[in-house]
Amino acid sequence: MTDTTKRNRADTAELVDRIEKVAGLIAQGKTRGSILKAVCEQFQITRRQARNYYRHAQNLLVRWSGQDRKKHFVEASSFYRAVIQSAGPTWSEKIKARQCLDALYGLEAPRELRVSGKHDGPIEIRDIEVMRPVTPDSENQP
């Protein structure tokens, strides 16, 4: 274990606090990508650990709501559909509701393309030499 890992490891109370902060960011409507980036920077953790915090925060929000995931999904989906189909909201409000509905269904386009190697490091590239098997017929050919 490195000094960095020891320094960034949170005790139980700090872990709960971090997850609650992430839950607050989700509740404010921040994007997943911006939350993960902010959490990585603020707590000096890996992207993988930030994703774990995010997952725990989602579960915490479900517990706070007092509903199960299916019920919340149906309720949110119905709400956004009603906004879209209603005559009252402006076009920009309808477009925003559509974006929220797309996000709810997991249909929104990625906002950031991130390619990384092992442990969020650079991608490792190696030279590979292709060798053909030697057969009696290939020995006499150039």
N, C-alpha and C. Protein backbone atom coordinates (compact mmCIF):
# COMPACT_ATOMS: atom_id res chain seq x y z
N MET A 1 0.85 -1.18 0.00
CA MET A 1 0.00 0.00 0.00
C MET A 1 0.89 1.24 0.00
N THR A 2 0.59 2.19 -0.86
CA THR A 2 1.42 3.38 -0.96
C THR A 2 0.97 4.44 0.04
N ASP A 3 1.82 5.45 0.20
CA ASP A 3 1.47 6.56 1.10
C ASP A 3 0.21 7.26 0.62
N THR A 4 0.04 7.38 -0.74
CA THR A 4 -1.14 8.05 -1.28
C THR A 4 -2.40 7.31 -0.90
N THR A 5 -2.36 5.97 -0.99
CA THR A 5 -3.54 5.17 -0.65
C THR A 5 -3.89 5.34 0.81
N LYS A 6 -2.90 5.33 1.67
CA LYS A 6 -3.15 5.49 3.11
C LYS A 6 -3.74 6.86 3.40
N ARG A 7 -3.20 7.89 2.76
CA ARG A 7 -3.63 9.26 3.03
C ARG A 7 -5.08 9.48 2.60
N ASN A 8 -5.52 8.83 1.50
CA ASN A 8 -6.84 9.09 0.95
C ASN A 8 -7.91 8.13 1.46
N ARG A 9 -7.53 7.12 2.23
CA ARG A 9 -8.51 6.18 2.75
C ARG A 9 -9.33 6.88 3.83
N ALA A 10 -10.64 6.80 3.66
CA ALA A 10 -11.54 7.47 4.60
C ALA A 10 -12.00 6.50 5.68
N ASP A 11 -12.14 7.03 6.91
CA ASP A 11 -12.74 6.19 7.94
C ASP A 11 -14.25 6.18 7.71
N THR A 12 -14.98 5.42 8.50
CA THR A 12 -16.41 5.22 8.26
C THR A 12 -17.19 6.53 8.27
N ALA A 13 -16.92 7.38 9.23
CA ALA A 13 -17.65 8.65 9.33
C ALA A 13 -17.36 9.54 8.12
N GLU A 14 -16.11 9.58 7.72
CA GLU A 14 -15.75 10.40 6.56
C GLU A 14 -16.35 9.82 5.27
N LEU A 15 -16.39 8.51 5.17
CA LEU A 15 -16.98 7.85 4.01
C LEU A 15 -18.47 8.19 3.89
N VAL A 16 -19.18 8.13 5.00
CA VAL A 16 -20.60 8.49 5.01
C VAL A 16 -20.78 9.93 4.57
N ASP A 17 -19.92 10.82 5.07
CA ASP A 17 -19.99 12.24 4.72
C ASP A 17 -19.76 12.44 3.22
N ARG A 18 -18.77 11.74 2.66
CA ARG A 18 -18.47 11.86 1.24
C ARG A 18 -19.64 11.38 0.39
N ILE A 19 -20.23 10.26 0.77
CA ILE A 19 -21.35 9.72 0.01
C ILE A 19 -22.55 10.66 0.09
N GLU A 20 -22.78 11.26 1.25
CA GLU A 20 -23.87 12.22 1.38
C GLU A 20 -23.63 13.46 0.52
N LYS A 21 -22.37 13.88 0.40
CA LYS A 21 -22.05 15.02 -0.47
C LYS A 21 -22.34 14.68 -1.92
N VAL A 22 -21.97 13.47 -2.33
CA VAL A 22 -22.26 13.04 -3.70
C VAL A 22 -23.77 12.96 -3.92
N ALA A 23 -24.51 12.46 -2.95
CA ALA A 23 -25.97 12.40 -3.05
C ALA A 23 -26.55 13.81 -3.21
N GLY A 24 -25.99 14.76 -2.50
CA GLY A 24 -26.43 16.15 -2.63
C GLY A 24 -26.20 16.70 -4.03
N LEU A 25 -25.05 16.36 -4.62
CA LEU A 25 -24.75 16.81 -5.99
C LEU A 25 -25.71 16.18 -7.00
N ILE A 26 -26.01 14.90 -6.80
CA ILE A 26 -26.98 14.23 -7.68
C ILE A 26 -28.33 14.91 -7.55
N ALA A 27 -28.75 15.20 -6.32
CA ALA A 27 -30.05 15.83 -6.08
C ALA A 27 -30.12 17.23 -6.69
N GLN A 28 -28.97 17.90 -6.80
CA GLN A 28 -28.93 19.23 -7.42
C GLN A 28 -29.03 19.16 -8.94
N GLY A 29 -28.95 17.95 -9.48
CA GLY A 29 -29.06 17.79 -10.93
C GLY A 29 -27.75 17.87 -11.68
N LYS A 30 -26.64 17.78 -10.96
CA LYS A 30 -25.33 17.80 -11.62
C LYS A 30 -25.18 16.54 -12.47
N THR A 31 -24.39 16.63 -13.53
CA THR A 31 -24.19 15.46 -14.38
C THR A 31 -23.26 14.47 -13.70
N ARG A 32 -23.40 13.22 -14.09
CA ARG A 32 -22.58 12.15 -13.51
C ARG A 32 -21.09 12.44 -13.74
N GLY A 33 -20.76 12.84 -14.96
CA GLY A 33 -19.37 13.12 -15.28
C GLY A 33 -18.78 14.25 -14.45
N SER A 34 -19.55 15.31 -14.26
CA SER A 34 -19.04 16.44 -13.48
C SER A 34 -18.90 16.06 -12.00
N ILE A 35 -19.81 15.22 -11.52
CA ILE A 35 -19.72 14.77 -10.13
C ILE A 35 -18.48 13.90 -9.94
N LEU A 36 -18.28 12.95 -10.84
CA LEU A 36 -17.11 12.07 -10.71
C LEU A 36 -15.81 12.86 -10.75
N LYS A 37 -15.75 13.82 -11.65
CA LYS A 37 -14.54 14.65 -11.77
C LYS A 37 -14.30 15.44 -10.49
N ALA A 38 -15.35 16.07 -9.98
CA ALA A 38 -15.23 16.88 -8.76
C ALA A 38 -14.82 16.03 -7.56
N VAL A 39 -15.43 14.85 -7.45
CA VAL A 39 -15.13 13.96 -6.32
C VAL A 39 -13.68 13.47 -6.38
N CYS A 40 -13.23 13.11 -7.59
CA CYS A 40 -11.83 12.67 -7.74
C CYS A 40 -10.86 13.77 -7.30
N GLU A 41 -11.15 14.99 -7.71
CA GLU A 41 -10.27 16.11 -7.36
C GLU A 41 -10.36 16.46 -5.88
N GLN A 42 -11.57 16.54 -5.37
CA GLN A 42 -11.75 16.98 -3.98
C GLN A 42 -11.17 15.98 -2.99
N PHE A 43 -11.41 14.70 -3.21
CA PHE A 43 -10.98 13.69 -2.25
C PHE A 43 -9.71 12.96 -2.67
N GLN A 44 -9.18 13.32 -3.82
CA GLN A 44 -7.96 12.71 -4.37
C GLN A 44 -8.08 11.18 -4.38
N ILE A 45 -9.11 10.72 -5.08
CA ILE A 45 -9.37 9.30 -5.21
C ILE A 45 -9.40 8.93 -6.69
N THR A 46 -9.40 7.64 -6.96
CA THR A 46 -9.45 7.18 -8.34
C THR A 46 -10.86 7.32 -8.90
N ARG A 47 -10.95 7.26 -10.21
CA ARG A 47 -12.25 7.33 -10.87
C ARG A 47 -13.11 6.13 -10.46
N ARG A 48 -12.49 5.00 -10.29
CA ARG A 48 -13.22 3.80 -9.88
C ARG A 48 -13.86 3.99 -8.50
N GLN A 49 -13.10 4.56 -7.57
CA GLN A 49 -13.64 4.81 -6.23
C GLN A 49 -14.75 5.85 -6.29
N ALA A 50 -14.58 6.85 -7.16
CA ALA A 50 -15.63 7.87 -7.31
C ALA A 50 -16.92 7.24 -7.83
N ARG A 51 -16.79 6.28 -8.75
CA ARG A 51 -17.98 5.58 -9.25
C ARG A 51 -18.65 4.78 -8.12
N ASN A 52 -17.84 4.21 -7.23
CA ASN A 52 -18.41 3.50 -6.07
C ASN A 52 -19.19 4.47 -5.18
N TYR A 53 -18.62 5.64 -4.91
CA TYR A 53 -19.31 6.66 -4.11
C TYR A 53 -20.63 7.02 -4.79
N TYR A 54 -20.59 7.19 -6.10
CA TYR A 54 -21.77 7.58 -6.86
C TYR A 54 -22.87 6.52 -6.72
N ARG A 55 -22.49 5.25 -6.87
CA ARG A 55 -23.45 4.15 -6.76
C ARG A 55 -24.07 4.12 -5.36
N HIS A 56 -23.24 4.27 -4.33
CA HIS A 56 -23.75 4.30 -2.95
C HIS A 56 -24.66 5.51 -2.73
N ALA A 57 -24.31 6.63 -3.33
CA ALA A 57 -25.13 7.84 -3.19
C ALA A 57 -26.49 7.65 -3.85
N GLN A 58 -26.52 6.98 -5.00
CA GLN A 58 -27.80 6.70 -5.65
C GLN A 58 -28.69 5.85 -4.73
N ASN A 59 -28.09 4.82 -4.15
CA ASN A 59 -28.84 3.97 -3.22
C ASN A 59 -29.33 4.76 -2.01
N LEU A 60 -28.50 5.67 -1.53
CA LEU A 60 -28.88 6.51 -0.40
C LEU A 60 -30.08 7.40 -0.76
N LEU A 61 -30.07 7.97 -1.96
CA LEU A 61 -31.19 8.80 -2.40
C LEU A 61 -32.48 7.99 -2.48
N VAL A 62 -32.36 6.76 -2.92
CA VAL A 62 -33.55 5.89 -2.98
C VAL A 62 -34.08 5.65 -1.57
N ARG A 63 -33.18 5.38 -0.62
CA ARG A 63 -33.61 5.19 0.78
C ARG A 63 -34.24 6.45 1.33
N TRP A 64 -33.64 7.60 1.05
CA TRP A 64 -34.18 8.87 1.54
C TRP A 64 -35.57 9.14 0.98
N SER A 65 -35.82 8.71 -0.25
CA SER A 65 -37.11 8.99 -0.88
C SER A 65 -38.23 8.15 -0.28
N GLY A 66 -37.88 7.03 0.36
CA GLY A 66 -38.90 6.16 0.92
C GLY A 66 -39.59 5.29 -0.11
N GLN A 67 -39.09 5.30 -1.35
CA GLN A 67 -39.66 4.50 -2.42
C GLN A 67 -38.63 3.49 -2.90
N ASP A 68 -39.11 2.43 -3.54
CA ASP A 68 -38.14 1.55 -4.19
C ASP A 68 -37.82 2.12 -5.58
N ARG A 69 -36.81 1.59 -6.21
CA ARG A 69 -36.35 2.12 -7.51
C ARG A 69 -37.44 2.06 -8.58
N LYS A 70 -38.17 0.96 -8.62
CA LYS A 70 -39.20 0.82 -9.66
C LYS A 70 -40.29 1.87 -9.51
N LYS A 71 -40.73 2.08 -8.29
CA LYS A 71 -41.78 3.07 -8.05
C LYS A 71 -41.29 4.47 -8.40
N HIS A 72 -40.06 4.78 -8.01
CA HIS A 72 -39.49 6.10 -8.33
C HIS A 72 -39.37 6.27 -9.84
N PHE A 73 -38.92 5.25 -10.54
CA PHE A 73 -38.76 5.30 -11.99
C PHE A 73 -40.10 5.59 -12.66
N VAL A 74 -41.14 4.87 -12.25
CA VAL A 74 -42.47 5.06 -12.84
C VAL A 74 -42.99 6.46 -12.55
N GLU A 75 -42.79 6.92 -11.32
CA GLU A 75 -43.26 8.26 -10.94
C GLU A 75 -42.54 9.35 -11.74
N ALA A 76 -41.22 9.25 -11.83
CA ALA A 76 -40.44 10.25 -12.57
C ALA A 76 -40.78 10.21 -14.06
N SER A 77 -40.89 9.02 -14.59
CA SER A 77 -41.22 8.86 -16.00
C SER A 77 -42.59 9.47 -16.30
N SER A 78 -43.55 9.21 -15.46
CA SER A 78 -44.90 9.77 -15.64
C SER A 78 -44.89 11.29 -15.57
N PHE A 79 -44.12 11.82 -14.64
CA PHE A 79 -44.02 13.27 -14.49
C PHE A 79 -43.47 13.92 -15.76
N TYR A 80 -42.34 13.41 -16.25
CA TYR A 80 -41.71 14.00 -17.44
C TYR A 80 -42.61 13.86 -18.67
N ARG A 81 -43.30 12.74 -18.79
CA ARG A 81 -44.23 12.56 -19.92
C ARG A 81 -45.38 13.57 -19.83
N ALA A 82 -45.87 13.81 -18.63
CA ALA A 82 -46.96 14.78 -18.45
C ALA A 82 -46.50 16.19 -18.84
N VAL A 83 -45.27 16.55 -18.49
CA VAL A 83 -44.74 17.87 -18.85
C VAL A 83 -44.66 17.99 -20.36
N ILE A 84 -44.16 16.95 -21.02
CA ILE A 84 -44.00 16.97 -22.47
C ILE A 84 -45.36 17.08 -23.17
N GLN A 85 -46.36 16.37 -22.68
CA GLN A 85 -47.66 16.32 -23.34
C GLN A 85 -48.59 17.47 -22.95
N SER A 86 -48.27 18.17 -21.90
CA SER A 86 -49.12 19.25 -21.42
C SER A 86 -49.00 20.49 -22.31
N ALA A 87 -50.08 21.29 -22.35
CA ALA A 87 -50.08 22.51 -23.16
C ALA A 87 -49.42 23.69 -22.42
N GLY A 88 -49.32 23.62 -21.09
CA GLY A 88 -48.82 24.74 -20.31
C GLY A 88 -47.33 25.06 -20.42
N PRO A 89 -46.45 24.08 -20.34
CA PRO A 89 -45.01 24.38 -20.33
C PRO A 89 -44.51 24.96 -21.65
N THR A 90 -43.45 25.76 -21.57
CA THR A 90 -42.83 26.32 -22.77
C THR A 90 -42.06 25.21 -23.50
N TRP A 91 -41.66 25.53 -24.72
CA TRP A 91 -40.89 24.55 -25.49
C TRP A 91 -39.58 24.21 -24.80
N SER A 92 -38.93 25.19 -24.21
CA SER A 92 -37.65 24.91 -23.53
C SER A 92 -37.88 24.01 -22.32
N GLU A 93 -38.99 24.18 -21.62
CA GLU A 93 -39.30 23.30 -20.49
C GLU A 93 -39.61 21.89 -20.97
N LYS A 94 -40.28 21.78 -22.11
CA LYS A 94 -40.57 20.47 -22.67
C LYS A 94 -39.29 19.77 -23.13
N ILE A 95 -38.39 20.54 -23.72
CA ILE A 95 -37.11 19.96 -24.16
C ILE A 95 -36.32 19.49 -22.95
N LYS A 96 -36.30 20.28 -21.90
CA LYS A 96 -35.60 19.88 -20.67
C LYS A 96 -36.22 18.61 -20.09
N ALA A 97 -37.54 18.51 -20.09
CA ALA A 97 -38.22 17.31 -19.60
C ALA A 97 -37.84 16.11 -20.46
N ARG A 98 -37.73 16.32 -21.76
CA ARG A 98 -37.34 15.24 -22.67
C ARG A 98 -35.92 14.78 -22.37
N GLN A 99 -35.03 15.72 -22.12
CA GLN A 99 -33.64 15.37 -21.78
C GLN A 99 -33.60 14.58 -20.47
N CYS A 100 -34.40 14.98 -19.51
CA CYS A 100 -34.46 14.26 -18.24
C CYS A 100 -35.02 12.86 -18.43
N LEU A 101 -36.02 12.74 -19.27
CA LEU A 101 -36.61 11.44 -19.56
C LEU A 101 -35.59 10.53 -20.26
N ASP A 102 -34.86 11.11 -21.22
CA ASP A 102 -33.81 10.34 -21.91
C ASP A 102 -32.75 9.87 -20.93
N ALA A 103 -32.37 10.75 -20.00
CA ALA A 103 -31.36 10.38 -19.00
C ALA A 103 -31.91 9.28 -18.09
N LEU A 104 -33.17 9.36 -17.74
CA LEU A 104 -33.81 8.35 -16.90
C LEU A 104 -33.77 6.98 -17.57
N TYR A 105 -33.96 6.97 -18.89
CA TYR A 105 -33.93 5.72 -19.65
C TYR A 105 -32.52 5.33 -20.09
N GLY A 106 -31.54 6.18 -19.78
CA GLY A 106 -30.16 5.88 -20.17
C GLY A 106 -29.90 6.11 -21.64
N LEU A 107 -30.63 7.03 -22.25
CA LEU A 107 -30.50 7.28 -23.69
C LEU A 107 -29.70 8.52 -24.05
N GLU A 108 -29.24 9.26 -23.06
CA GLU A 108 -28.51 10.48 -23.39
C GLU A 108 -27.13 10.13 -23.92
N ALA A 109 -26.64 10.97 -24.80
CA ALA A 109 -25.33 10.75 -25.39
C ALA A 109 -24.24 11.02 -24.35
N PRO A 110 -23.11 10.33 -24.46
CA PRO A 110 -22.02 10.60 -23.52
C PRO A 110 -21.56 12.05 -23.67
N ARG A 111 -21.23 12.66 -22.57
CA ARG A 111 -20.77 14.05 -22.59
C ARG A 111 -19.25 14.15 -22.61
N GLU A 112 -18.61 13.06 -22.32
CA GLU A 112 -17.16 13.06 -22.26
C GLU A 112 -16.65 11.71 -22.73
N LEU A 113 -15.67 11.74 -23.61
CA LEU A 113 -15.05 10.50 -24.05
C LEU A 113 -13.75 10.36 -23.27
N ARG A 114 -13.64 9.28 -22.57
CA ARG A 114 -12.46 9.09 -21.74
C ARG A 114 -11.93 7.70 -21.98
N VAL A 115 -10.72 7.65 -22.45
CA VAL A 115 -10.08 6.37 -22.68
C VAL A 115 -8.84 6.34 -21.80
N SER A 116 -8.74 5.30 -20.99
CA SER A 116 -7.57 5.19 -20.12
C SER A 116 -7.19 3.73 -19.98
N GLY A 117 -5.99 3.54 -19.52
CA GLY A 117 -5.49 2.20 -19.31
C GLY A 117 -5.75 1.73 -17.89
N LYS A 118 -4.95 0.77 -17.49
CA LYS A 118 -5.09 0.17 -16.17
C LYS A 118 -4.92 1.23 -15.07
N HIS A 119 -5.79 1.18 -14.08
CA HIS A 119 -5.77 2.10 -12.93
C HIS A 119 -5.87 3.56 -13.36
N ASP A 120 -6.68 3.84 -14.40
CA ASP A 120 -6.88 5.20 -14.92
C ASP A 120 -5.60 5.84 -15.45
N GLY A 121 -4.59 5.05 -15.72
CA GLY A 121 -3.34 5.56 -16.27
C GLY A 121 -3.37 5.59 -17.78
N PRO A 122 -2.23 5.93 -18.39
CA PRO A 122 -2.18 5.96 -19.85
C PRO A 122 -2.32 4.56 -20.44
N ILE A 123 -2.77 4.51 -21.67
CA ILE A 123 -2.91 3.23 -22.35
C ILE A 123 -1.51 2.73 -22.71
N GLU A 124 -1.27 1.49 -22.38
CA GLU A 124 0.03 0.89 -22.64
C GLU A 124 0.03 0.29 -24.05
N ILE A 125 1.02 0.65 -24.84
CA ILE A 125 1.13 0.14 -26.21
C ILE A 125 2.42 -0.66 -26.32
N ARG A 126 2.30 -1.85 -26.84
CA ARG A 126 3.47 -2.71 -27.00
C ARG A 126 3.62 -3.10 -28.46
N ASP A 127 4.86 -3.23 -28.90
CA ASP A 127 5.12 -3.74 -30.24
C ASP A 127 4.98 -5.25 -30.22
N ILE A 128 4.29 -5.76 -31.21
CA ILE A 128 4.11 -7.20 -31.31
C ILE A 128 4.70 -7.66 -32.63
N GLU A 129 5.57 -8.63 -32.57
CA GLU A 129 6.18 -9.17 -33.77
C GLU A 129 5.44 -10.45 -34.14
N VAL A 130 4.93 -10.46 -35.35
CA VAL A 130 4.18 -11.62 -35.81
C VAL A 130 5.17 -12.61 -36.41
N MET A 131 5.12 -13.81 -35.95
CA MET A 131 6.02 -14.84 -36.45
C MET A 131 5.18 -15.96 -37.05
N ARG A 132 5.61 -16.40 -38.23
CA ARG A 132 4.91 -17.51 -38.88
C ARG A 132 5.59 -18.81 -38.48
N PRO A 133 4.81 -19.86 -38.34
CA PRO A 133 5.42 -21.14 -38.01
C PRO A 133 6.25 -21.66 -39.19
N VAL A 134 7.32 -22.28 -38.86
CA VAL A 134 8.20 -22.84 -39.89
C VAL A 134 7.66 -24.21 -40.28
N THR A 135 7.42 -24.36 -41.58
CA THR A 135 6.98 -25.65 -42.11
C THR A 135 7.98 -26.10 -43.17
N PRO A 136 8.00 -27.34 -43.52
CA PRO A 136 8.95 -27.80 -44.55
C PRO A 136 8.80 -27.03 -45.87
N ASP A 137 7.59 -26.63 -46.24
CA ASP A 137 7.39 -25.91 -47.50
C ASP A 137 7.90 -24.48 -47.42
N SER A 138 7.81 -23.83 -46.23
CA SER A 138 8.21 -22.41 -46.10
C SER A 138 9.70 -22.25 -45.97
N GLU A 139 10.48 -23.30 -45.66
CA GLU A 139 11.93 -23.18 -45.52
C GLU A 139 12.61 -22.86 -46.85
N ASN A 140 12.09 -23.34 -47.95
CA ASN A 140 12.71 -23.14 -49.25
C ASN A 140 12.24 -21.86 -49.93
N GLN A 141 11.30 -21.16 -49.36
CA GLN A 141 10.78 -19.93 -49.97
C GLN A 141 11.39 -18.72 -49.28
N PRO A 142 11.67 -17.63 -50.07
CA PRO A 142 12.24 -16.41 -49.48
C PRO A 142 11.30 -15.68 -48.58
